[in-house]
Amino acid sequence: MAPSAHRMVVMSQVYKQTLAKSSDTLEDSHVKIHRCCESFIYLLSPLRSVSIEKCRNSTFVLGPVQTVVHLHSCDNVKVIAVCRRLSLSSTASCTLHILTPTRPLILLGNQAITFAPFHTHYPMLEDHMGRTGLATVPNYWDNPMLVCRDNCDWKVFRFLSPSEFYPFVVPFEMEGDTTEIPGGLPPAYQKALSQRERRIQLWQKTVKEAGLTKEQRKTFQVLVENKFYEWLVRTGSRQQLDSLVLPAPGSKQAAG
């Protein structure tokens, strides 16, 4: 049995679920995530290491990882993490929103990898970063190292375009002081986000000043809701919303 200071936690064959954990059991543990599919998993504690293997069509939001996050044989997985080291092998069509003080290692057998800046926060994040000795600088998310024998194919990865970038919201309430993304966003991504917010404000102003009748406002609201629903389905967000458990009346939903 592993020493209690570095226990092993295994999550296997989670299917079409949203799971959120923040506990003493997770803290400073080695986590192995295996054969999960079409799921959203939040592990919001400081972790020792994380291995994600043979997972498909899933999103993993991790607390700060003191050593390494390793992906192997995954497909269409999104990982959001602050970690000391990131490495990946035999993995395809994955998106990695990372804050890391070391260059991500792209080992053999990968294709269609997307790197992007870390883009979320939860209330205890900065406290957890302090416990794992991780800071916001340096940050080498955009400087991966391709490790190969010969004839390296640099086309196996790309950087997410600012026009494709959206911040990620952790949908749980917790105690803590972190209220924004640690270290902020790279200028190009912050600029794209600000421009999008200005367009939304302009659109809202235009609608407000359009002088629509009550019936027109109702028709317009239905149109907007239908388009929003189509977007939820297209992006896979509908699945996550459906799998979230609604809190009891008068209570707060929290990660547990």
C-alpha atoms as a PDB file:
ATOM      1  CA  MET A   1       0.000   0.000   0.000  1.00  0.00           C
ATOM      2  CA  ALA A   2       1.269   3.475  -0.888  1.00  0.00           C
ATOM      3  CA  PRO A   3       2.206   5.753   2.046  1.00  0.00           C
ATOM      4  CA  SER A   4      -0.727   7.859   3.201  1.00  0.00           C
ATOM      5  CA  ALA A   5       1.130  11.020   2.158  1.00  0.00           C
ATOM      6  CA  HIS A   6       1.046   9.874  -1.470  1.00  0.00           C
ATOM      7  CA  ARG A   7      -1.957   7.549  -1.763  1.00  0.00           C
ATOM      8  CA  MET A   8      -3.195   6.237  -5.098  1.00  0.00           C
ATOM      9  CA  VAL A   9      -6.696   7.156  -6.286  1.00  0.00           C
ATOM     10  CA  VAL A  10      -8.081   5.312  -9.322  1.00  0.00           C
ATOM     11  CA  MET A  11     -11.075   6.435 -11.390  1.00  0.00           C
ATOM     12  CA  SER A  12     -12.094   3.932 -14.055  1.00  0.00           C
ATOM     13  CA  GLN A  13     -14.882   3.569 -16.627  1.00  0.00           C
ATOM     14  CA  VAL A  14     -16.825   6.690 -15.749  1.00  0.00           C
ATOM     15  CA  TYR A  15     -19.433   7.024 -18.491  1.00  0.00           C
ATOM     16  CA  LYS A  16     -21.673  10.011 -19.268  1.00  0.00           C
ATOM     17  CA  GLN A  17     -21.325  11.578 -15.837  1.00  0.00           C
ATOM     18  CA  THR A  18     -20.254  14.839 -14.256  1.00  0.00           C
ATOM     19  CA  LEU A  19     -18.165  14.206 -11.137  1.00  0.00           C
ATOM     20  CA  ALA A  20     -16.694  16.838  -8.813  1.00  0.00           C
ATOM     21  CA  LYS A  21     -14.392  16.127  -5.877  1.00  0.00           C
ATOM     22  CA  SER A  22     -12.443  18.301  -3.453  1.00  0.00           C
ATOM     23  CA  SER A  23     -11.370  16.316  -0.399  1.00  0.00           C
ATOM     24  CA  ASP A  24      -8.578  15.223   1.932  1.00  0.00           C
ATOM     25  CA  THR A  25      -8.574  11.864   0.146  1.00  0.00           C
ATOM     26  CA  LEU A  26      -7.525  13.537  -3.108  1.00  0.00           C
ATOM     27  CA  GLU A  27      -5.016  15.953  -1.603  1.00  0.00           C
ATOM     28  CA  ASP A  28      -1.395  15.092  -2.485  1.00  0.00           C
ATOM     29  CA  SER A  29      -2.475  11.816  -4.099  1.00  0.00           C
ATOM     30  CA  HIS A  30      -1.386  10.053  -7.272  1.00  0.00           C
ATOM     31  CA  VAL A  31      -4.479   9.925  -9.487  1.00  0.00           C
ATOM     32  CA  LYS A  32      -5.014   7.443 -12.298  1.00  0.00           C
ATOM     33  CA  ILE A  33      -7.974   8.082 -14.617  1.00  0.00           C
ATOM     34  CA  HIS A  34      -8.675   5.145 -16.906  1.00  0.00           C
ATOM     35  CA  ARG A  35     -11.189   4.431 -19.697  1.00  0.00           C
ATOM     36  CA  CYS A  36     -13.564   7.308 -18.982  1.00  0.00           C
ATOM     37  CA  CYS A  37     -15.912   8.357 -21.768  1.00  0.00           C
ATOM     38  CA  GLU A  38     -18.235  11.310 -22.435  1.00  0.00           C
ATOM     39  CA  SER A  39     -17.753  12.672 -18.920  1.00  0.00           C
ATOM     40  CA  PHE A  40     -16.805  15.886 -17.116  1.00  0.00           C
ATOM     41  CA  ILE A  41     -14.526  15.303 -14.125  1.00  0.00           C
ATOM     42  CA  TYR A  42     -13.442  17.986 -11.667  1.00  0.00           C
ATOM     43  CA  LEU A  43     -10.700  17.113  -9.142  1.00  0.00           C
ATOM     44  CA  LEU A  44     -10.378  20.400  -7.278  1.00  0.00           C
ATOM     45  CA  SER A  45      -7.623  19.571  -4.769  1.00  0.00           C
ATOM     46  CA  PRO A  46      -3.814  19.881  -4.859  1.00  0.00           C
ATOM     47  CA  LEU A  47      -2.583  16.642  -6.462  1.00  0.00           C
ATOM     48  CA  ARG A  48       0.748  14.824  -6.553  1.00  0.00           C
ATOM     49  CA  SER A  49       0.488  13.407 -10.096  1.00  0.00           C
ATOM     50  CA  VAL A  50      -2.211  12.551 -12.644  1.00  0.00           C
ATOM     51  CA  SER A  51      -2.246   9.864 -15.333  1.00  0.00           C
ATOM     52  CA  ILE A  52      -5.075   9.919 -17.894  1.00  0.00           C
ATOM     53  CA  GLU A  53      -5.210   6.781 -20.045  1.00  0.00           C
ATOM     54  CA  LYS A  54      -7.533   5.500 -22.780  1.00  0.00           C
ATOM     55  CA  CYS A  55     -10.163   8.176 -22.204  1.00  0.00           C
ATOM     56  CA  ARG A  56     -12.495   9.526 -24.879  1.00  0.00           C
ATOM     57  CA  ASN A  57     -14.671  12.607 -25.409  1.00  0.00           C
ATOM     58  CA  SER A  58     -14.208  13.937 -21.880  1.00  0.00           C
ATOM     59  CA  THR A  59     -13.121  17.046 -19.989  1.00  0.00           C
ATOM     60  CA  PHE A  60     -10.839  16.962 -16.937  1.00  0.00           C
ATOM     61  CA  VAL A  61     -10.444  19.999 -14.693  1.00  0.00           C
ATOM     62  CA  LEU A  62      -7.601  19.406 -12.240  1.00  0.00           C
ATOM     63  CA  GLY A  63      -6.350  21.123  -9.142  1.00  0.00           C
ATOM     64  CA  PRO A  64      -2.627  22.059  -9.221  1.00  0.00           C
ATOM     65  CA  VAL A  65      -0.456  18.997  -9.894  1.00  0.00           C
ATOM     66  CA  GLN A  66       2.870  19.032  -8.054  1.00  0.00           C
ATOM     67  CA  THR A  67       4.746  16.737 -10.456  1.00  0.00           C
ATOM     68  CA  VAL A  68       3.388  15.501 -13.794  1.00  0.00           C
ATOM     69  CA  VAL A  69       0.201  15.170 -15.808  1.00  0.00           C
ATOM     70  CA  HIS A  70       0.567  12.420 -18.424  1.00  0.00           C
ATOM     71  CA  LEU A  71      -1.910  11.572 -21.190  1.00  0.00           C
ATOM     72  CA  HIS A  72      -1.670   8.270 -23.015  1.00  0.00           C
ATOM     73  CA  SER A  73      -3.869   6.809 -25.739  1.00  0.00           C
ATOM     74  CA  CYS A  74      -6.627   9.407 -25.349  1.00  0.00           C
ATOM     75  CA  ASP A  75      -8.943  10.796 -28.002  1.00  0.00           C
ATOM     76  CA  ASN A  76     -10.867  14.085 -28.014  1.00  0.00           C
ATOM     77  CA  VAL A  77     -10.035  14.905 -24.408  1.00  0.00           C
ATOM     78  CA  LYS A  78      -9.750  18.369 -22.874  1.00  0.00           C
ATOM     79  CA  VAL A  79      -7.429  18.878 -19.894  1.00  0.00           C
ATOM     80  CA  ILE A  80      -7.420  22.088 -17.833  1.00  0.00           C
ATOM     81  CA  ALA A  81      -4.606  22.195 -15.292  1.00  0.00           C
ATOM     82  CA  VAL A  82      -1.773  23.968 -13.525  1.00  0.00           C
ATOM     83  CA  CYS A  83       1.055  21.431 -13.380  1.00  0.00           C
ATOM     84  CA  ARG A  84       4.816  21.103 -12.974  1.00  0.00           C
ATOM     85  CA  ARG A  85       5.145  18.975 -16.104  1.00  0.00           C
ATOM     86  CA  LEU A  86       2.875  17.838 -18.937  1.00  0.00           C
ATOM     87  CA  SER A  87       3.614  14.922 -21.237  1.00  0.00           C
ATOM     88  CA  LEU A  88       1.553  13.056 -23.801  1.00  0.00           C
ATOM     89  CA  SER A  89       1.897   9.971 -25.961  1.00  0.00           C
ATOM     90  CA  SER A  90      -0.272   8.126 -28.519  1.00  0.00           C
ATOM     91  CA  THR A  91      -2.966  10.765 -28.124  1.00  0.00           C
ATOM     92  CA  ALA A  92      -5.176  12.423 -30.751  1.00  0.00           C
ATOM     93  CA  SER A  93      -7.463  15.457 -31.050  1.00  0.00           C
ATOM     94  CA  CYS A  94      -6.868  16.651 -27.494  1.00  0.00           C
ATOM     95  CA  THR A  95      -6.938  20.244 -26.210  1.00  0.00           C
ATOM     96  CA  LEU A  96      -4.676  21.231 -23.323  1.00  0.00           C
ATOM     97  CA  HIS A  97      -5.328  24.434 -21.367  1.00  0.00           C
ATOM     98  CA  ILE A  98      -2.165  24.503 -19.306  1.00  0.00           C
ATOM     99  CA  LEU A  99      -0.163  26.684 -16.946  1.00  0.00           C
ATOM    100  CA  THR A 100       3.269  25.070 -16.473  1.00  0.00           C
ATOM    101  CA  PRO A 101       6.827  26.168 -15.608  1.00  0.00           C
ATOM    102  CA  THR A 102       8.340  23.526 -17.929  1.00  0.00           C
ATOM    103  CA  ARG A 103       8.019  22.810 -21.638  1.00  0.00           C
ATOM    104  CA  PRO A 104       5.232  20.303 -22.443  1.00  0.00           C
ATOM    105  CA  LEU A 105       6.688  17.044 -23.765  1.00  0.00           C
ATOM    106  CA  ILE A 106       5.145  15.645 -26.942  1.00  0.00           C
ATOM    107  CA  LEU A 107       6.287  12.022 -27.067  1.00  0.00           C
ATOM    108  CA  LEU A 108       5.635   9.476 -29.823  1.00  0.00           C
ATOM    109  CA  GLY A 109       2.358   8.722 -31.564  1.00  0.00           C
ATOM    110  CA  ASN A 110       0.431  11.976 -31.148  1.00  0.00           C
ATOM    111  CA  GLN A 111      -1.677  13.861 -33.670  1.00  0.00           C
ATOM    112  CA  ALA A 112      -3.949  16.936 -33.801  1.00  0.00           C
ATOM    113  CA  ILE A 113      -2.918  18.297 -30.399  1.00  0.00           C
ATOM    114  CA  THR A 114      -4.054  21.819 -29.450  1.00  0.00           C
ATOM    115  CA  PHE A 115      -2.298  23.905 -26.790  1.00  0.00           C
ATOM    116  CA  ALA A 116      -4.090  26.829 -25.170  1.00  0.00           C
ATOM    117  CA  PRO A 117      -3.643  29.097 -22.153  1.00  0.00           C
ATOM    118  CA  PHE A 118      -5.059  28.136 -18.772  1.00  0.00           C
ATOM    119  CA  HIS A 119      -8.516  29.702 -18.680  1.00  0.00           C
ATOM    120  CA  THR A 120     -10.394  28.995 -15.472  1.00  0.00           C
ATOM    121  CA  HIS A 121     -10.350  29.415 -11.708  1.00  0.00           C
ATOM    122  CA  TYR A 122     -12.060  28.169  -8.571  1.00  0.00           C
ATOM    123  CA  PRO A 123     -12.020  29.814  -5.107  1.00  0.00           C
ATOM    124  CA  MET A 124      -9.222  27.694  -3.576  1.00  0.00           C
ATOM    125  CA  LEU A 125      -6.988  27.609  -6.672  1.00  0.00           C
ATOM    126  CA  GLU A 126      -4.267  30.043  -5.564  1.00  0.00           C
ATOM    127  CA  ASP A 127      -4.139  28.471  -2.110  1.00  0.00           C
ATOM    128  CA  HIS A 128      -3.714  25.044  -3.732  1.00  0.00           C
ATOM    129  CA  MET A 129      -1.008  26.418  -6.050  1.00  0.00           C
ATOM    130  CA  GLY A 130       0.882  27.652  -3.005  1.00  0.00           C
ATOM    131  CA  ARG A 131       0.707  24.208  -1.387  1.00  0.00           C
ATOM    132  CA  THR A 132       2.182  22.559  -4.494  1.00  0.00           C
ATOM    133  CA  GLY A 133       4.865  25.221  -5.010  1.00  0.00           C
ATOM    134  CA  LEU A 134       3.468  26.333  -8.380  1.00  0.00           C
ATOM    135  CA  ALA A 135       3.348  29.968  -9.511  1.00  0.00           C
ATOM    136  CA  THR A 136       2.083  31.876 -12.552  1.00  0.00           C
ATOM    137  CA  VAL A 137       5.572  32.521 -13.969  1.00  0.00           C
ATOM    138  CA  PRO A 138       7.349  31.191 -15.872  1.00  0.00           C
ATOM    139  CA  ASN A 139       4.625  29.699 -18.046  1.00  0.00           C
ATOM    140  CA  TYR A 140       5.686  27.589 -21.050  1.00  0.00           C
ATOM    141  CA  TRP A 141       2.277  26.397 -22.237  1.00  0.00           C
ATOM    142  CA  ASP A 142       3.111  27.685 -25.737  1.00  0.00           C
ATOM    143  CA  ASN A 143       6.626  26.249 -25.999  1.00  0.00           C
ATOM    144  CA  PRO A 144       6.214  22.464 -26.325  1.00  0.00           C
ATOM    145  CA  MET A 145       9.134  20.115 -26.940  1.00  0.00           C
ATOM    146  CA  LEU A 146       8.732  17.443 -29.615  1.00  0.00           C
ATOM    147  CA  VAL A 147      10.570  14.297 -28.541  1.00  0.00           C
ATOM    148  CA  CYS A 148      11.163  11.886 -31.440  1.00  0.00           C
ATOM    149  CA  ARG A 149      13.828   9.682 -32.970  1.00  0.00           C
ATOM    150  CA  ASP A 150      14.143  11.465 -36.310  1.00  0.00           C
ATOM    151  CA  ASN A 151      12.124  13.401 -38.900  1.00  0.00           C
ATOM    152  CA  CYS A 152       9.992  15.146 -36.315  1.00  0.00           C
ATOM    153  CA  ASP A 153       6.589  16.242 -37.623  1.00  0.00           C
ATOM    154  CA  TRP A 154       5.898  19.661 -36.125  1.00  0.00           C
ATOM    155  CA  LYS A 155       2.379  19.573 -37.564  1.00  0.00           C
ATOM    156  CA  VAL A 156       1.191  17.250 -34.783  1.00  0.00           C
ATOM    157  CA  PHE A 157       0.272  20.276 -32.663  1.00  0.00           C
ATOM    158  CA  ARG A 158      -1.135  23.765 -33.005  1.00  0.00           C
ATOM    159  CA  PHE A 159      -2.014  26.714 -30.755  1.00  0.00           C
ATOM    160  CA  LEU A 160      -5.634  27.624 -30.199  1.00  0.00           C
ATOM    161  CA  SER A 161      -6.592  30.729 -32.158  1.00  0.00           C
ATOM    162  CA  PRO A 162      -7.735  33.668 -29.995  1.00  0.00           C
ATOM    163  CA  SER A 163     -10.939  33.752 -32.066  1.00  0.00           C
ATOM    164  CA  GLU A 164     -11.747  30.217 -30.811  1.00  0.00           C
ATOM    165  CA  PHE A 165     -10.990  31.042 -27.187  1.00  0.00           C
ATOM    166  CA  TYR A 166     -13.604  31.156 -24.421  1.00  0.00           C
ATOM    167  CA  PRO A 167     -12.982  31.130 -20.653  1.00  0.00           C
ATOM    168  CA  PHE A 168     -14.143  28.064 -18.726  1.00  0.00           C
ATOM    169  CA  VAL A 169     -16.436  28.402 -15.705  1.00  0.00           C
ATOM    170  CA  VAL A 170     -16.264  25.853 -12.872  1.00  0.00           C
ATOM    171  CA  PRO A 171     -19.980  25.405 -12.002  1.00  0.00           C
ATOM    172  CA  PHE A 172     -19.584  24.804  -8.267  1.00  0.00           C
ATOM    173  CA  GLU A 173     -19.429  27.030  -5.206  1.00  0.00           C
ATOM    174  CA  MET A 174     -16.560  26.651  -2.731  1.00  0.00           C
ATOM    175  CA  GLU A 175     -14.952  28.695   0.006  1.00  0.00           C
ATOM    176  CA  GLY A 176     -11.834  30.634  -1.025  1.00  0.00           C
ATOM    177  CA  ASP A 177     -10.352  33.904  -2.275  1.00  0.00           C
ATOM    178  CA  THR A 178      -9.479  33.294  -5.933  1.00  0.00           C
ATOM    179  CA  THR A 179     -11.834  35.281  -8.157  1.00  0.00           C
ATOM    180  CA  GLU A 180      -9.963  35.390 -11.475  1.00  0.00           C
ATOM    181  CA  ILE A 181      -7.582  33.392 -13.650  1.00  0.00           C
ATOM    182  CA  PRO A 182      -4.158  33.341 -11.917  1.00  0.00           C
ATOM    183  CA  GLY A 183      -1.667  35.368 -13.944  1.00  0.00           C
ATOM    184  CA  GLY A 184      -4.371  36.585 -16.323  1.00  0.00           C
ATOM    185  CA  LEU A 185      -4.515  35.752 -20.029  1.00  0.00           C
ATOM    186  CA  PRO A 186      -1.925  36.309 -22.781  1.00  0.00           C
ATOM    187  CA  PRO A 187      -2.565  39.698 -24.466  1.00  0.00           C
ATOM    188  CA  ALA A 188      -3.911  38.276 -27.744  1.00  0.00           C
ATOM    189  CA  TYR A 189      -6.477  36.128 -25.930  1.00  0.00           C
ATOM    190  CA  GLN A 190      -7.495  38.916 -23.550  1.00  0.00           C
ATOM    191  CA  LYS A 191      -7.944  41.253 -26.522  1.00  0.00           C
ATOM    192  CA  ALA A 192     -10.157  38.747 -28.345  1.00  0.00           C
ATOM    193  CA  LEU A 193     -12.227  38.246 -25.200  1.00  0.00           C
ATOM    194  CA  SER A 194     -12.640  41.992 -24.648  1.00  0.00           C
ATOM    195  CA  GLN A 195     -13.679  42.519 -28.274  1.00  0.00           C
ATOM    196  CA  ARG A 196     -16.298  39.774 -27.967  1.00  0.00           C
ATOM    197  CA  GLU A 197     -17.661  41.327 -24.767  1.00  0.00           C
ATOM    198  CA  ARG A 198     -17.929  44.708 -26.502  1.00  0.00           C
ATOM    199  CA  ARG A 199     -19.855  43.138 -29.384  1.00  0.00           C
ATOM    200  CA  ILE A 200     -22.269  41.554 -26.910  1.00  0.00           C
ATOM    201  CA  GLN A 201     -22.810  44.893 -25.170  1.00  0.00           C
ATOM    202  CA  LEU A 202     -23.422  46.586 -28.524  1.00  0.00           C
ATOM    203  CA  TRP A 203     -25.874  43.866 -29.518  1.00  0.00           C
ATOM    204  CA  GLN A 204     -27.757  44.219 -26.217  1.00  0.00           C
ATOM    205  CA  LYS A 205     -27.912  48.001 -26.698  1.00  0.00           C
ATOM    206  CA  THR A 206     -29.213  47.591 -30.248  1.00  0.00           C
ATOM    207  CA  VAL A 207     -31.956  45.209 -29.092  1.00  0.00           C
ATOM    208  CA  LYS A 208     -32.938  47.543 -26.250  1.00  0.00           C
ATOM    209  CA  GLU A 209     -33.228  50.532 -28.595  1.00  0.00           C
ATOM    210  CA  ALA A 210     -35.047  48.661 -31.377  1.00  0.00           C
ATOM    211  CA  GLY A 211     -38.459  49.521 -29.965  1.00  0.00           C
ATOM    212  CA  LEU A 212     -39.864  46.001 -30.328  1.00  0.00           C
ATOM    213  CA  THR A 213     -43.459  45.332 -29.405  1.00  0.00           C
ATOM    214  CA  LYS A 214     -44.298  42.807 -26.689  1.00  0.00           C
ATOM    215  CA  GLU A 215     -45.085  40.159 -29.304  1.00  0.00           C
ATOM    216  CA  GLN A 216     -41.867  40.882 -31.220  1.00  0.00           C
ATOM    217  CA  ARG A 217     -39.843  40.627 -28.007  1.00  0.00           C
ATOM    218  CA  LYS A 218     -41.432  37.248 -27.282  1.00  0.00           C
ATOM    219  CA  THR A 219     -40.676  35.978 -30.801  1.00  0.00           C
ATOM    220  CA  PHE A 220     -37.117  37.292 -30.578  1.00  0.00           C
ATOM    221  CA  GLN A 221     -36.597  35.604 -27.185  1.00  0.00           C
ATOM    222  CA  VAL A 222     -37.717  32.247 -28.592  1.00  0.00           C
ATOM    223  CA  LEU A 223     -35.303  32.645 -31.520  1.00  0.00           C
ATOM    224  CA  VAL A 224     -32.391  33.409 -29.192  1.00  0.00           C
ATOM    225  CA  GLU A 225     -33.225  30.464 -26.927  1.00  0.00           C
ATOM    226  CA  ASN A 226     -33.407  28.104 -29.912  1.00  0.00           C
ATOM    227  CA  LYS A 227     -30.029  29.265 -31.202  1.00  0.00           C
ATOM    228  CA  PHE A 228     -28.549  28.892 -27.720  1.00  0.00           C
ATOM    229  CA  TYR A 229     -29.927  25.361 -27.472  1.00  0.00           C
ATOM    230  CA  GLU A 230     -28.390  24.489 -30.857  1.00  0.00           C
ATOM    231  CA  TRP A 231     -25.045  25.819 -29.598  1.00  0.00           C
ATOM    232  CA  LEU A 232     -25.284  23.739 -26.399  1.00  0.00           C
ATOM    233  CA  VAL A 233     -25.885  20.581 -28.424  1.00  0.00           C
ATOM    234  CA  ARG A 234     -23.169  21.352 -30.981  1.00  0.00           C
ATOM    235  CA  THR A 235     -20.491  22.045 -28.360  1.00  0.00           C
ATOM    236  CA  GLY A 236     -21.423  19.177 -26.037  1.00  0.00           C
ATOM    237  CA  SER A 237     -22.335  21.598 -23.255  1.00  0.00           C
ATOM    238  CA  ARG A 238     -25.914  20.297 -23.122  1.00  0.00           C
ATOM    239  CA  GLN A 239     -24.641  16.941 -21.877  1.00  0.00           C
ATOM    240  CA  GLN A 240     -22.777  18.564 -19.011  1.00  0.00           C
ATOM    241  CA  LEU A 241     -25.743  20.709 -18.005  1.00  0.00           C
ATOM    242  CA  ASP A 242     -28.052  17.694 -18.044  1.00  0.00           C
ATOM    243  CA  SER A 243     -25.700  15.710 -15.813  1.00  0.00           C
ATOM    244  CA  LEU A 244     -25.356  18.398 -13.156  1.00  0.00           C
ATOM    245  CA  VAL A 245     -27.465  17.633 -10.103  1.00  0.00           C
ATOM    246  CA  LEU A 246     -29.755  20.500  -9.143  1.00  0.00           C
ATOM    247  CA  PRO A 247     -29.386  21.636  -5.512  1.00  0.00           C
ATOM    248  CA  ALA A 248     -32.318  21.450  -3.138  1.00  0.00           C
ATOM    249  CA  PRO A 249     -34.350  24.683  -2.790  1.00  0.00           C
ATOM    250  CA  GLY A 250     -32.519  27.212  -0.665  1.00  0.00           C
ATOM    251  CA  SER A 251     -29.206  25.358  -0.735  1.00  0.00           C
ATOM    252  CA  LYS A 252     -25.940  26.011  -2.548  1.00  0.00           C
ATOM    253  CA  GLN A 253     -24.415  23.557  -4.993  1.00  0.00           C
ATOM    254  CA  ALA A 254     -20.871  22.698  -3.993  1.00  0.00           C
ATOM    255  CA  ALA A 255     -18.090  20.400  -5.059  1.00  0.00           C
ATOM    256  CA  GLY A 256     -17.863  17.490  -2.652  1.00  0.00           C
END
